[in-house]
Every structure is written in structure tokens, then in C-alpha cells.
Amino acid sequence: MSDNPSPAVFVRRARHEDVQCMRDFVQQLSSTSRRNRFHGVVSGDSPQLLNTLLDDDRERHGAWVACVWGPNGEQIIGEGGWHIVDAAQGRAELGLSVLDSWQGSGVAHALMTKLIDGAREAGVQSLYGEVLESNERMLAFMQRYGMQQSADDWPWDRGGAIRMERKLA
């Protein structure tokens, strides 16, 4: 970021009408940030990906965007969400990403706070995220939010990812 004052960041629930802003956001992520978030190559033009990132029914899915006001309106600079993967156990998987130029500015903190609060409100009992072993920064970030490496024995290969989990109850 430049020496100019940073625009004010605000976090709000994602909406399906954010599809173009989300497409722009995904396309602006560096290849490293895309790999860290999605664990592979993704396209910002994928309707399935965009729907997943914007899906927010507040019960089985929660989604937020961190935005700033730009010359053309709102610009998404970060996104995060969770989705229920095991309703009986109240487990949800989370994910979040922040534009490279905004990393380290507190955007991920603002998103994680909303994710945890929203998950609690929805009755989620535990949140987990899978973080690539090489993504040391995200592993440390998740530990700051009380997430620890899962002790569960998972029978499938997670492709070099570590499962970080936190009980919310």
C-alpha cells in the first residue's frame, strides 16, 4: 500500500449481487494467494466458485466480504466464509483470503471475528480450516484464534494440508 492514508475497511455479509466484485477480487489474487486459499488453480470466472463464495443463508453457510469504497463503488479486498460439513456434529469448514496488497493490515482479523461470531449464532460447535503446510503465516494466524492441529485421524490425503480446528461451544 502507498503512503497515502488507507481507505476505511468495512465488513458485511456477502450478497449474490456481489458476483462481479467477487470475480474481480479472485482475479486480483496472486497465484500464491489463490493456491493458499483454494489449494489449487481456480478461475475467477467459475460460476460455481463465485456462488460458493457468496452463499450466505446464515444457517448452513455464512459468507462475508471486506470492502473499501473505490472510484467505481465497493471493492472487495477480502472474503471469508464457513459451511456446515457435518450437521449432526455441528462442524463447519472455514476459509478466507485477502488481497496481497492488504495482507497484514487487519483485514483477516476483521473477517475471522465475523466468521466466528456468525458461526456461533448459527449454532456451529466447531470450525476447522485446512491450511497448506507451506502457508506458515496462515497457520500462525489460525493459532492466534485458538485453532489447533486436529487430532482426528483422517483416512484421505489432504495434499499437504494441516487441519486446524477450534471448538466454539
C-alpha atoms as a PDB file:
ATOM      1  CA  MET A   1       0.000   0.000   0.000  1.00  0.00           C
ATOM      2  CA  SER A   2       1.168   3.554  -0.593  1.00  0.00           C
ATOM      3  CA  ASP A   3       1.996   6.312   1.895  1.00  0.00           C
ATOM      4  CA  ASN A   4      -1.492   7.736   1.365  1.00  0.00           C
ATOM      5  CA  PRO A   5      -3.985   7.028   4.116  1.00  0.00           C
ATOM      6  CA  SER A   6      -5.725   3.710   3.572  1.00  0.00           C
ATOM      7  CA  PRO A   7      -9.429   3.839   2.804  1.00  0.00           C
ATOM      8  CA  ALA A   8     -11.740   2.690   5.578  1.00  0.00           C
ATOM      9  CA  VAL A   9     -12.400  -1.040   5.506  1.00  0.00           C
ATOM     10  CA  PHE A  10     -15.843  -2.390   6.337  1.00  0.00           C
ATOM     11  CA  VAL A  11     -17.007  -5.983   6.640  1.00  0.00           C
ATOM     12  CA  ARG A  12     -20.511  -7.047   5.694  1.00  0.00           C
ATOM     13  CA  ARG A  13     -22.458 -10.139   4.700  1.00  0.00           C
ATOM     14  CA  ALA A  14     -21.862 -11.270   1.135  1.00  0.00           C
ATOM     15  CA  ARG A  15     -24.710 -10.959  -1.356  1.00  0.00           C
ATOM     16  CA  HIS A  16     -25.267 -12.700  -4.677  1.00  0.00           C
ATOM     17  CA  GLU A  17     -25.274  -9.319  -6.399  1.00  0.00           C
ATOM     18  CA  ASP A  18     -21.573  -9.049  -5.426  1.00  0.00           C
ATOM     19  CA  VAL A  19     -20.747 -11.521  -8.198  1.00  0.00           C
ATOM     20  CA  GLN A  20     -18.796  -9.048 -10.395  1.00  0.00           C
ATOM     21  CA  CYS A  21     -16.884  -7.599  -7.431  1.00  0.00           C
ATOM     22  CA  MET A  22     -16.035 -11.127  -6.256  1.00  0.00           C
ATOM     23  CA  ARG A  23     -14.929 -12.110  -9.753  1.00  0.00           C
ATOM     24  CA  ASP A  24     -12.614  -9.076  -9.789  1.00  0.00           C
ATOM     25  CA  PHE A  25     -11.327  -9.975  -6.320  1.00  0.00           C
ATOM     26  CA  VAL A  26     -10.447 -13.581  -7.228  1.00  0.00           C
ATOM     27  CA  GLN A  27      -8.726 -12.435 -10.416  1.00  0.00           C
ATOM     28  CA  GLN A  28      -6.615  -9.942  -8.426  1.00  0.00           C
ATOM     29  CA  LEU A  29      -5.297 -12.597  -6.023  1.00  0.00           C
ATOM     30  CA  SER A  30      -1.733 -13.655  -6.781  1.00  0.00           C
ATOM     31  CA  SER A  31      -1.199 -17.249  -7.854  1.00  0.00           C
ATOM     32  CA  THR A  32       0.290 -17.961  -4.404  1.00  0.00           C
ATOM     33  CA  SER A  33      -2.723 -16.497  -2.620  1.00  0.00           C
ATOM     34  CA  ARG A  34      -5.097 -18.479  -4.846  1.00  0.00           C
ATOM     35  CA  ARG A  35      -3.212 -21.680  -4.129  1.00  0.00           C
ATOM     36  CA  ASN A  36      -3.169 -20.966  -0.400  1.00  0.00           C
ATOM     37  CA  ARG A  37      -6.920 -20.274  -0.335  1.00  0.00           C
ATOM     38  CA  PHE A  38      -8.224 -22.875  -2.781  1.00  0.00           C
ATOM     39  CA  HIS A  39      -5.346 -25.408  -2.690  1.00  0.00           C
ATOM     40  CA  GLY A  40      -5.114 -25.386  -6.466  1.00  0.00           C
ATOM     41  CA  VAL A  41      -5.662 -23.415  -9.618  1.00  0.00           C
ATOM     42  CA  VAL A  42      -9.019 -21.638  -9.832  1.00  0.00           C
ATOM     43  CA  SER A  43     -10.612 -19.184 -12.192  1.00  0.00           C
ATOM     44  CA  GLY A  44     -12.430 -16.076 -11.055  1.00  0.00           C
ATOM     45  CA  ASP A  45     -14.876 -16.768 -13.872  1.00  0.00           C
ATOM     46  CA  SER A  46     -16.159 -20.037 -12.397  1.00  0.00           C
ATOM     47  CA  PRO A  47     -19.873 -19.578 -11.589  1.00  0.00           C
ATOM     48  CA  GLN A  48     -19.677 -22.464  -9.100  1.00  0.00           C
ATOM     49  CA  LEU A  49     -16.769 -20.870  -7.220  1.00  0.00           C
ATOM     50  CA  LEU A  50     -18.439 -17.454  -7.155  1.00  0.00           C
ATOM     51  CA  ASN A  51     -21.718 -18.935  -5.882  1.00  0.00           C
ATOM     52  CA  THR A  52     -19.844 -20.811  -3.150  1.00  0.00           C
ATOM     53  CA  LEU A  53     -18.005 -17.668  -2.018  1.00  0.00           C
ATOM     54  CA  LEU A  54     -21.212 -15.607  -1.942  1.00  0.00           C
ATOM     55  CA  ASP A  55     -23.590 -18.206  -0.472  1.00  0.00           C
ATOM     56  CA  ASP A  56     -24.923 -16.889   2.851  1.00  0.00           C
ATOM     57  CA  ASP A  57     -28.087 -18.470   4.213  1.00  0.00           C
ATOM     58  CA  ARG A  58     -26.909 -17.871   7.832  1.00  0.00           C
ATOM     59  CA  GLU A  59     -27.729 -21.452   8.821  1.00  0.00           C
ATOM     60  CA  ARG A  60     -25.657 -23.825   6.697  1.00  0.00           C
ATOM     61  CA  HIS A  61     -23.432 -21.209   5.063  1.00  0.00           C
ATOM     62  CA  GLY A  62     -22.037 -17.899   6.238  1.00  0.00           C
ATOM     63  CA  ALA A  63     -20.147 -15.513   3.963  1.00  0.00           C
ATOM     64  CA  TRP A  64     -18.621 -12.076   4.486  1.00  0.00           C
ATOM     65  CA  VAL A  65     -16.690  -9.617   2.389  1.00  0.00           C
ATOM     66  CA  ALA A  66     -14.256  -6.928   3.471  1.00  0.00           C
ATOM     67  CA  CYS A  67     -14.652  -3.874   1.263  1.00  0.00           C
ATOM     68  CA  VAL A  68     -13.406  -0.370   0.630  1.00  0.00           C
ATOM     69  CA  TRP A  69     -15.018   2.344  -1.431  1.00  0.00           C
ATOM     70  CA  GLY A  70     -13.172   2.851  -4.698  1.00  0.00           C
ATOM     71  CA  PRO A  71     -13.723   5.080  -7.707  1.00  0.00           C
ATOM     72  CA  ASN A  72     -16.267   2.588  -9.113  1.00  0.00           C
ATOM     73  CA  GLY A  73     -18.072   1.773  -5.872  1.00  0.00           C
ATOM     74  CA  GLU A  74     -17.383  -1.041  -3.458  1.00  0.00           C
ATOM     75  CA  GLN A  75     -14.237  -3.073  -3.983  1.00  0.00           C
ATOM     76  CA  ILE A  76     -13.822  -6.429  -2.255  1.00  0.00           C
ATOM     77  CA  ILE A  77     -10.392  -6.724  -0.646  1.00  0.00           C
ATOM     78  CA  GLY A  78     -11.072  -9.852   1.422  1.00  0.00           C
ATOM     79  CA  GLU A  79     -13.576 -12.662   1.742  1.00  0.00           C
ATOM     80  CA  GLY A  80     -14.332 -15.363   4.220  1.00  0.00           C
ATOM     81  CA  GLY A  81     -16.968 -17.892   4.996  1.00  0.00           C
ATOM     82  CA  TRP A  82     -17.923 -21.192   6.517  1.00  0.00           C
ATOM     83  CA  HIS A  83     -20.214 -24.017   5.519  1.00  0.00           C
ATOM     84  CA  ILE A  84     -21.613 -26.889   7.530  1.00  0.00           C
ATOM     85  CA  VAL A  85     -19.982 -30.195   6.580  1.00  0.00           C
ATOM     86  CA  ASP A  86     -21.380 -32.332   9.418  1.00  0.00           C
ATOM     87  CA  ALA A  87     -24.737 -31.106  10.744  1.00  0.00           C
ATOM     88  CA  ALA A  88     -25.003 -33.866  13.365  1.00  0.00           C
ATOM     89  CA  GLN A  89     -21.688 -32.819  14.941  1.00  0.00           C
ATOM     90  CA  GLY A  90     -22.157 -29.107  14.248  1.00  0.00           C
ATOM     91  CA  ARG A  91     -18.873 -28.917  12.287  1.00  0.00           C
ATOM     92  CA  ALA A  92     -18.179 -26.277   9.685  1.00  0.00           C
ATOM     93  CA  GLU A  93     -15.242 -25.688   7.388  1.00  0.00           C
ATOM     94  CA  LEU A  94     -13.969 -22.135   7.023  1.00  0.00           C
ATOM     95  CA  GLY A  95     -11.855 -20.320   4.509  1.00  0.00           C
ATOM     96  CA  LEU A  96     -10.697 -16.773   3.966  1.00  0.00           C
ATOM     97  CA  SER A  97      -8.421 -14.750   1.759  1.00  0.00           C
ATOM     98  CA  VAL A  98      -7.219 -11.169   1.491  1.00  0.00           C
ATOM     99  CA  LEU A  99      -5.745  -9.343  -1.490  1.00  0.00           C
ATOM    100  CA  ASP A 100      -1.960  -9.462  -1.342  1.00  0.00           C
ATOM    101  CA  SER A 101      -1.655  -5.665  -1.046  1.00  0.00           C
ATOM    102  CA  TRP A 102      -3.910  -5.723   2.058  1.00  0.00           C
ATOM    103  CA  GLN A 103      -2.336  -8.668   3.860  1.00  0.00           C
ATOM    104  CA  GLY A 104      -1.028  -7.709   7.288  1.00  0.00           C
ATOM    105  CA  SER A 105      -3.414  -4.744   7.592  1.00  0.00           C
ATOM    106  CA  GLY A 106      -6.011  -6.302   9.925  1.00  0.00           C
ATOM    107  CA  VAL A 107      -8.500  -7.319   7.228  1.00  0.00           C
ATOM    108  CA  ALA A 108      -8.130 -11.044   8.023  1.00  0.00           C
ATOM    109  CA  HIS A 109      -8.703 -10.288  11.718  1.00  0.00           C
ATOM    110  CA  ALA A 110     -11.934  -8.422  10.941  1.00  0.00           C
ATOM    111  CA  LEU A 111     -13.133 -11.288   8.745  1.00  0.00           C
ATOM    112  CA  MET A 112     -12.201 -14.019  11.236  1.00  0.00           C
ATOM    113  CA  THR A 113     -14.046 -12.216  14.023  1.00  0.00           C
ATOM    114  CA  LYS A 114     -17.206 -12.101  11.891  1.00  0.00           C
ATOM    115  CA  LEU A 115     -16.795 -15.754  10.843  1.00  0.00           C
ATOM    116  CA  ILE A 116     -16.526 -16.958  14.427  1.00  0.00           C
ATOM    117  CA  ASP A 117     -19.397 -14.783  15.677  1.00  0.00           C
ATOM    118  CA  GLY A 118     -21.628 -15.808  12.762  1.00  0.00           C
ATOM    119  CA  ALA A 119     -20.834 -19.481  13.258  1.00  0.00           C
ATOM    120  CA  ARG A 120     -21.709 -19.266  16.957  1.00  0.00           C
ATOM    121  CA  GLU A 121     -25.005 -17.537  16.129  1.00  0.00           C
ATOM    122  CA  ALA A 122     -25.808 -20.363  13.689  1.00  0.00           C
ATOM    123  CA  GLY A 123     -25.124 -22.991  16.352  1.00  0.00           C
ATOM    124  CA  VAL A 124     -21.860 -24.278  14.900  1.00  0.00           C
ATOM    125  CA  GLN A 125     -19.998 -26.333  17.522  1.00  0.00           C
ATOM    126  CA  SER A 126     -16.578 -26.396  15.877  1.00  0.00           C
ATOM    127  CA  LEU A 127     -14.827 -24.695  12.990  1.00  0.00           C
ATOM    128  CA  TYR A 128     -11.933 -26.091  11.027  1.00  0.00           C
ATOM    129  CA  GLY A 129      -9.819 -24.997   8.120  1.00  0.00           C
ATOM    130  CA  GLU A 130      -7.295 -26.849   6.050  1.00  0.00           C
ATOM    131  CA  VAL A 131      -4.072 -24.887   5.630  1.00  0.00           C
ATOM    132  CA  LEU A 132      -1.219 -25.828   3.352  1.00  0.00           C
ATOM    133  CA  GLU A 133       1.866 -26.804   5.339  1.00  0.00           C
ATOM    134  CA  SER A 134       3.840 -24.206   3.394  1.00  0.00           C
ATOM    135  CA  ASN A 135       1.469 -21.404   4.487  1.00  0.00           C
ATOM    136  CA  GLU A 136       3.189 -20.680   7.796  1.00  0.00           C
ATOM    137  CA  ARG A 137       1.634 -17.228   8.066  1.00  0.00           C
ATOM    138  CA  MET A 138      -1.914 -18.646   7.977  1.00  0.00           C
ATOM    139  CA  LEU A 139      -1.044 -21.445  10.388  1.00  0.00           C
ATOM    140  CA  ALA A 140       0.202 -18.831  12.894  1.00  0.00           C
ATOM    141  CA  PHE A 141      -2.891 -16.672  12.259  1.00  0.00           C
ATOM    142  CA  MET A 142      -5.234 -19.569  12.979  1.00  0.00           C
ATOM    143  CA  GLN A 143      -3.359 -20.403  16.170  1.00  0.00           C
ATOM    144  CA  ARG A 144      -3.934 -16.824  17.372  1.00  0.00           C
ATOM    145  CA  TYR A 145      -7.667 -17.597  17.129  1.00  0.00           C
ATOM    146  CA  GLY A 146      -7.406 -20.687  19.295  1.00  0.00           C
ATOM    147  CA  MET A 147      -7.233 -23.165  16.431  1.00  0.00           C
ATOM    148  CA  GLN A 148      -5.036 -26.193  16.890  1.00  0.00           C
ATOM    149  CA  GLN A 149      -3.979 -29.011  14.659  1.00  0.00           C
ATOM    150  CA  SER A 150      -6.780 -31.559  14.638  1.00  0.00           C
ATOM    151  CA  ALA A 151      -6.122 -34.808  16.442  1.00  0.00           C
ATOM    152  CA  ASP A 152      -8.624 -36.611  14.202  1.00  0.00           C
ATOM    153  CA  ASP A 153      -7.209 -39.397  12.092  1.00  0.00           C
ATOM    154  CA  TRP A 154      -8.385 -38.684   8.547  1.00  0.00           C
ATOM    155  CA  PRO A 155      -8.130 -41.593   6.105  1.00  0.00           C
ATOM    156  CA  TRP A 156      -7.553 -39.498   2.983  1.00  0.00           C
ATOM    157  CA  ASP A 157      -4.614 -37.495   1.793  1.00  0.00           C
ATOM    158  CA  ARG A 158      -5.142 -33.767   2.277  1.00  0.00           C
ATOM    159  CA  GLY A 159      -2.486 -32.840  -0.269  1.00  0.00           C
ATOM    160  CA  GLY A 160      -0.027 -31.285   2.183  1.00  0.00           C
ATOM    161  CA  ALA A 161      -2.689 -29.521   4.233  1.00  0.00           C
ATOM    162  CA  ILE A 162      -2.950 -29.365   8.004  1.00  0.00           C
ATOM    163  CA  ARG A 163      -6.415 -29.366   9.549  1.00  0.00           C
ATOM    164  CA  MET A 164      -6.706 -26.589  12.160  1.00  0.00           C
ATOM    165  CA  GLU A 165      -9.776 -26.774  14.401  1.00  0.00           C
ATOM    166  CA  ARG A 166     -11.440 -24.885  17.230  1.00  0.00           C
ATOM    167  CA  LYS A 167     -14.421 -25.756  19.412  1.00  0.00           C
ATOM    168  CA  LEU A 168     -16.905 -22.892  19.709  1.00  0.00           C
ATOM    169  CA  ALA A 169     -19.128 -24.241  22.487  1.00  0.00           C
END
